Amino acid sequence: MAIENLGLEVRILSNLIYNKLNQMTMEVEDLTIHQCWILQYLTGHTGKEIYQKDIEQLFSIKRSTANQMLRTMENRGFIRRTVSDEDARRNILTVTENGIAVCEHLVKHLYRFMLKLHGDIPKSELEQFQITLRKLWHNIEM
């Protein structure tokens, strides 16, 4: 592989994975994969105060994108936004019981997809690939 094509190849792989995941989550629960990941994050952090800004930073998305996704999720009953006692300008995000149930259902499908994606690649190679990806990510942020 030519080193100058690395970015392109990572982008192609990213698009393929993203499109397959989006297709699957839309078929199963009519949610985008980003909405699914947000539900997963909120479900895993119940009891903590999570704000829209946290979601924007964690998922590296714009404020307008996060706002639209969260509004859709709230309208569909997956999350709730409540005004913070400390700062009325900020809303605390919490996952609803319905959101938790949907998340649990989607996680099973995501797990099956990840098994298919990993295929017969040895765990050690996948771990090394993840280490390399994190190094590339770190290099971009510097």
C-alpha atoms as a PDB file:
ATOM      1  CA  MET A   1       0.000   0.000   0.000  1.00  0.00           C
ATOM      2  CA  ALA A   2       1.289   3.421  -0.890  1.00  0.00           C
ATOM      3  CA  ILE A   3       1.513   5.595   2.222  1.00  0.00           C
ATOM      4  CA  GLU A   4      -0.106   8.528   0.412  1.00  0.00           C
ATOM      5  CA  ASN A   5      -3.302   6.470   0.015  1.00  0.00           C
ATOM      6  CA  LEU A   6      -3.639   5.681   3.734  1.00  0.00           C
ATOM      7  CA  GLY A   7      -6.057   8.535   4.407  1.00  0.00           C
ATOM      8  CA  LEU A   8      -8.200   7.553   1.435  1.00  0.00           C
ATOM      9  CA  GLU A   9      -8.271   3.898   2.462  1.00  0.00           C
ATOM     10  CA  VAL A  10      -9.195   4.760   6.062  1.00  0.00           C
ATOM     11  CA  ARG A  11     -11.971   7.036   4.738  1.00  0.00           C
ATOM     12  CA  ILE A  12     -13.325   4.318   2.436  1.00  0.00           C
ATOM     13  CA  LEU A  13     -13.332   1.768   5.257  1.00  0.00           C
ATOM     14  CA  SER A  14     -14.958   4.305   7.585  1.00  0.00           C
ATOM     15  CA  ASN A  15     -17.685   5.037   5.022  1.00  0.00           C
ATOM     16  CA  LEU A  16     -18.361   1.339   4.453  1.00  0.00           C
ATOM     17  CA  ILE A  17     -18.670   0.628   8.171  1.00  0.00           C
ATOM     18  CA  TYR A  18     -20.751   3.748   8.825  1.00  0.00           C
ATOM     19  CA  ASN A  19     -23.149   2.997   5.957  1.00  0.00           C
ATOM     20  CA  LYS A  20     -23.631  -0.638   7.019  1.00  0.00           C
ATOM     21  CA  LEU A  21     -24.201   0.361  10.644  1.00  0.00           C
ATOM     22  CA  ASN A  22     -26.630   3.092   9.636  1.00  0.00           C
ATOM     23  CA  GLN A  23     -28.531   0.698   7.403  1.00  0.00           C
ATOM     24  CA  MET A  24     -28.775  -1.841  10.201  1.00  0.00           C
ATOM     25  CA  THR A  25     -29.882   0.610  12.917  1.00  0.00           C
ATOM     26  CA  MET A  26     -32.443   2.221  10.595  1.00  0.00           C
ATOM     27  CA  GLU A  27     -33.914  -1.203   9.772  1.00  0.00           C
ATOM     28  CA  VAL A  28     -34.005  -2.347  13.395  1.00  0.00           C
ATOM     29  CA  GLU A  29     -35.138   0.785  15.259  1.00  0.00           C
ATOM     30  CA  ASP A  30     -35.311   3.643  12.723  1.00  0.00           C
ATOM     31  CA  LEU A  31     -32.369   5.406  14.362  1.00  0.00           C
ATOM     32  CA  THR A  32     -29.136   6.634  12.840  1.00  0.00           C
ATOM     33  CA  ILE A  33     -25.962   5.024  14.111  1.00  0.00           C
ATOM     34  CA  HIS A  34     -24.977   8.315  15.753  1.00  0.00           C
ATOM     35  CA  GLN A  35     -28.261   8.351  17.675  1.00  0.00           C
ATOM     36  CA  CYS A  36     -27.614   4.748  18.694  1.00  0.00           C
ATOM     37  CA  TRP A  37     -24.124   5.644  19.947  1.00  0.00           C
ATOM     38  CA  ILE A  38     -25.549   8.558  21.927  1.00  0.00           C
ATOM     39  CA  LEU A  39     -28.138   6.243  23.498  1.00  0.00           C
ATOM     40  CA  GLN A  40     -25.365   3.787  24.328  1.00  0.00           C
ATOM     41  CA  TYR A  41     -23.300   6.521  25.945  1.00  0.00           C
ATOM     42  CA  LEU A  42     -26.210   7.899  27.982  1.00  0.00           C
ATOM     43  CA  THR A  43     -27.253   4.393  29.043  1.00  0.00           C
ATOM     44  CA  GLY A  44     -23.723   3.680  30.218  1.00  0.00           C
ATOM     45  CA  HIS A  45     -23.565   6.938  32.186  1.00  0.00           C
ATOM     46  CA  THR A  46     -26.891   7.023  33.990  1.00  0.00           C
ATOM     47  CA  GLY A  47     -26.721   9.015  37.186  1.00  0.00           C
ATOM     48  CA  LYS A  48     -24.127  11.420  35.766  1.00  0.00           C
ATOM     49  CA  GLU A  49     -24.950  14.857  34.468  1.00  0.00           C
ATOM     50  CA  ILE A  50     -24.416  14.766  30.704  1.00  0.00           C
ATOM     51  CA  TYR A  51     -24.932  17.914  28.650  1.00  0.00           C
ATOM     52  CA  GLN A  52     -25.238  18.543  24.917  1.00  0.00           C
ATOM     53  CA  LYS A  53     -21.737  20.021  24.946  1.00  0.00           C
ATOM     54  CA  ASP A  54     -20.416  16.678  26.242  1.00  0.00           C
ATOM     55  CA  ILE A  55     -22.049  14.888  23.300  1.00  0.00           C
ATOM     56  CA  GLU A  56     -20.652  17.423  20.828  1.00  0.00           C
ATOM     57  CA  GLN A  57     -17.121  16.936  22.130  1.00  0.00           C
ATOM     58  CA  LEU A  58     -17.272  13.166  22.558  1.00  0.00           C
ATOM     59  CA  PHE A  59     -18.624  12.505  19.072  1.00  0.00           C
ATOM     60  CA  SER A  60     -16.837  15.416  17.414  1.00  0.00           C
ATOM     61  CA  ILE A  61     -20.042  16.884  15.979  1.00  0.00           C
ATOM     62  CA  LYS A  62     -21.279  20.430  15.495  1.00  0.00           C
ATOM     63  CA  ARG A  63     -23.724  22.058  17.893  1.00  0.00           C
ATOM     64  CA  SER A  64     -26.466  22.247  15.251  1.00  0.00           C
ATOM     65  CA  THR A  65     -26.043  18.546  14.383  1.00  0.00           C
ATOM     66  CA  ALA A  66     -26.152  17.502  18.037  1.00  0.00           C
ATOM     67  CA  ASN A  67     -29.169  19.697  18.688  1.00  0.00           C
ATOM     68  CA  GLN A  68     -31.137  18.193  15.803  1.00  0.00           C
ATOM     69  CA  MET A  69     -30.242  14.604  16.741  1.00  0.00           C
ATOM     70  CA  LEU A  70     -31.113  15.163  20.400  1.00  0.00           C
ATOM     71  CA  ARG A  71     -34.389  16.915  19.525  1.00  0.00           C
ATOM     72  CA  THR A  72     -35.395  13.961  17.338  1.00  0.00           C
ATOM     73  CA  MET A  73     -34.466  11.498  20.072  1.00  0.00           C
ATOM     74  CA  GLU A  74     -36.416  13.511  22.637  1.00  0.00           C
ATOM     75  CA  ASN A  75     -39.494  13.726  20.380  1.00  0.00           C
ATOM     76  CA  ARG A  76     -39.385   9.953  19.933  1.00  0.00           C
ATOM     77  CA  GLY A  77     -39.206   9.383  23.695  1.00  0.00           C
ATOM     78  CA  PHE A  78     -35.656   7.998  23.868  1.00  0.00           C
ATOM     79  CA  ILE A  79     -34.162  10.797  25.954  1.00  0.00           C
ATOM     80  CA  ARG A  80     -35.291  13.595  28.233  1.00  0.00           C
ATOM     81  CA  ARG A  81     -33.804  17.058  28.610  1.00  0.00           C
ATOM     82  CA  THR A  82     -34.186  18.798  31.961  1.00  0.00           C
ATOM     83  CA  VAL A  83     -32.923  22.214  32.940  1.00  0.00           C
ATOM     84  CA  SER A  84     -29.861  22.144  35.169  1.00  0.00           C
ATOM     85  CA  ASP A  85     -30.351  23.495  38.708  1.00  0.00           C
ATOM     86  CA  GLU A  86     -26.928  25.151  38.530  1.00  0.00           C
ATOM     87  CA  ASP A  87     -27.248  26.778  35.098  1.00  0.00           C
ATOM     88  CA  ALA A  88     -30.652  27.360  33.517  1.00  0.00           C
ATOM     89  CA  ARG A  89     -28.998  27.695  30.094  1.00  0.00           C
ATOM     90  CA  ARG A  90     -27.917  24.059  30.153  1.00  0.00           C
ATOM     91  CA  ASN A  91     -30.021  20.931  29.795  1.00  0.00           C
ATOM     92  CA  ILE A  92     -29.139  17.626  31.415  1.00  0.00           C
ATOM     93  CA  LEU A  93     -29.619  14.672  29.071  1.00  0.00           C
ATOM     94  CA  THR A  94     -31.036  11.449  30.471  1.00  0.00           C
ATOM     95  CA  VAL A  95     -32.068   8.291  28.711  1.00  0.00           C
ATOM     96  CA  THR A  96     -35.667   7.118  29.217  1.00  0.00           C
ATOM     97  CA  GLU A  97     -36.790   3.558  29.938  1.00  0.00           C
ATOM     98  CA  ASN A  98     -37.814   3.320  26.285  1.00  0.00           C
ATOM     99  CA  GLY A  99     -34.367   4.542  25.250  1.00  0.00           C
ATOM    100  CA  ILE A 100     -32.688   1.930  27.433  1.00  0.00           C
ATOM    101  CA  ALA A 101     -34.821  -0.854  25.944  1.00  0.00           C
ATOM    102  CA  VAL A 102     -34.099   0.289  22.383  1.00  0.00           C
ATOM    103  CA  CYS A 103     -30.394   0.570  23.196  1.00  0.00           C
ATOM    104  CA  GLU A 104     -30.253  -2.971  24.585  1.00  0.00           C
ATOM    105  CA  HIS A 105     -31.982  -4.273  21.463  1.00  0.00           C
ATOM    106  CA  LEU A 106     -29.592  -2.408  19.142  1.00  0.00           C
ATOM    107  CA  VAL A 107     -26.483  -3.467  21.049  1.00  0.00           C
ATOM    108  CA  LYS A 108     -27.246  -7.105  20.227  1.00  0.00           C
ATOM    109  CA  HIS A 109     -27.368  -6.255  16.526  1.00  0.00           C
ATOM    110  CA  LEU A 110     -24.217  -4.132  16.757  1.00  0.00           C
ATOM    111  CA  TYR A 111     -22.389  -7.006  18.448  1.00  0.00           C
ATOM    112  CA  ARG A 112     -23.316  -9.384  15.619  1.00  0.00           C
ATOM    113  CA  PHE A 113     -22.136  -6.821  13.075  1.00  0.00           C
ATOM    114  CA  MET A 114     -18.813  -6.381  14.858  1.00  0.00           C
ATOM    115  CA  LEU A 115     -18.276 -10.155  14.897  1.00  0.00           C
ATOM    116  CA  LYS A 116     -18.864 -10.200  11.139  1.00  0.00           C
ATOM    117  CA  LEU A 117     -16.544  -7.211  10.647  1.00  0.00           C
ATOM    118  CA  HIS A 118     -13.743  -8.808  12.669  1.00  0.00           C
ATOM    119  CA  GLY A 119     -14.210 -12.100  10.832  1.00  0.00           C
ATOM    120  CA  ASP A 120     -11.195 -14.360  11.216  1.00  0.00           C
ATOM    121  CA  ILE A 121      -8.735 -11.554  11.972  1.00  0.00           C
ATOM    122  CA  PRO A 122      -6.756 -12.565  15.075  1.00  0.00           C
ATOM    123  CA  LYS A 123      -7.412 -10.541  18.223  1.00  0.00           C
ATOM    124  CA  SER A 124      -3.757  -9.474  18.371  1.00  0.00           C
ATOM    125  CA  GLU A 125      -3.996  -7.910  14.888  1.00  0.00           C
ATOM    126  CA  LEU A 126      -7.195  -6.079  15.795  1.00  0.00           C
ATOM    127  CA  GLU A 127      -5.585  -4.747  18.975  1.00  0.00           C
ATOM    128  CA  GLN A 128      -2.532  -3.561  17.017  1.00  0.00           C
ATOM    129  CA  PHE A 129      -4.788  -1.925  14.434  1.00  0.00           C
ATOM    130  CA  GLN A 130      -6.624  -0.079  17.211  1.00  0.00           C
ATOM    131  CA  ILE A 131      -3.312   1.091  18.703  1.00  0.00           C
ATOM    132  CA  THR A 132      -2.228   2.363  15.287  1.00  0.00           C
ATOM    133  CA  LEU A 133      -5.557   4.147  14.742  1.00  0.00           C
ATOM    134  CA  ARG A 134      -5.209   5.903  18.088  1.00  0.00           C
ATOM    135  CA  LYS A 135      -1.674   7.003  17.188  1.00  0.00           C
ATOM    136  CA  LEU A 136      -2.926   8.423  13.883  1.00  0.00           C
ATOM    137  CA  TRP A 137      -5.754  10.193  15.741  1.00  0.00           C
ATOM    138  CA  HIS A 138      -3.280  11.609  18.246  1.00  0.00           C
ATOM    139  CA  ASN A 139      -0.976  12.833  15.453  1.00  0.00           C
ATOM    140  CA  ILE A 140      -3.831  14.774  13.866  1.00  0.00           C
ATOM    141  CA  GLU A 141      -4.806  16.422  17.150  1.00  0.00           C
ATOM    142  CA  MET A 142      -1.275  17.707  17.790  1.00  0.00           C
END
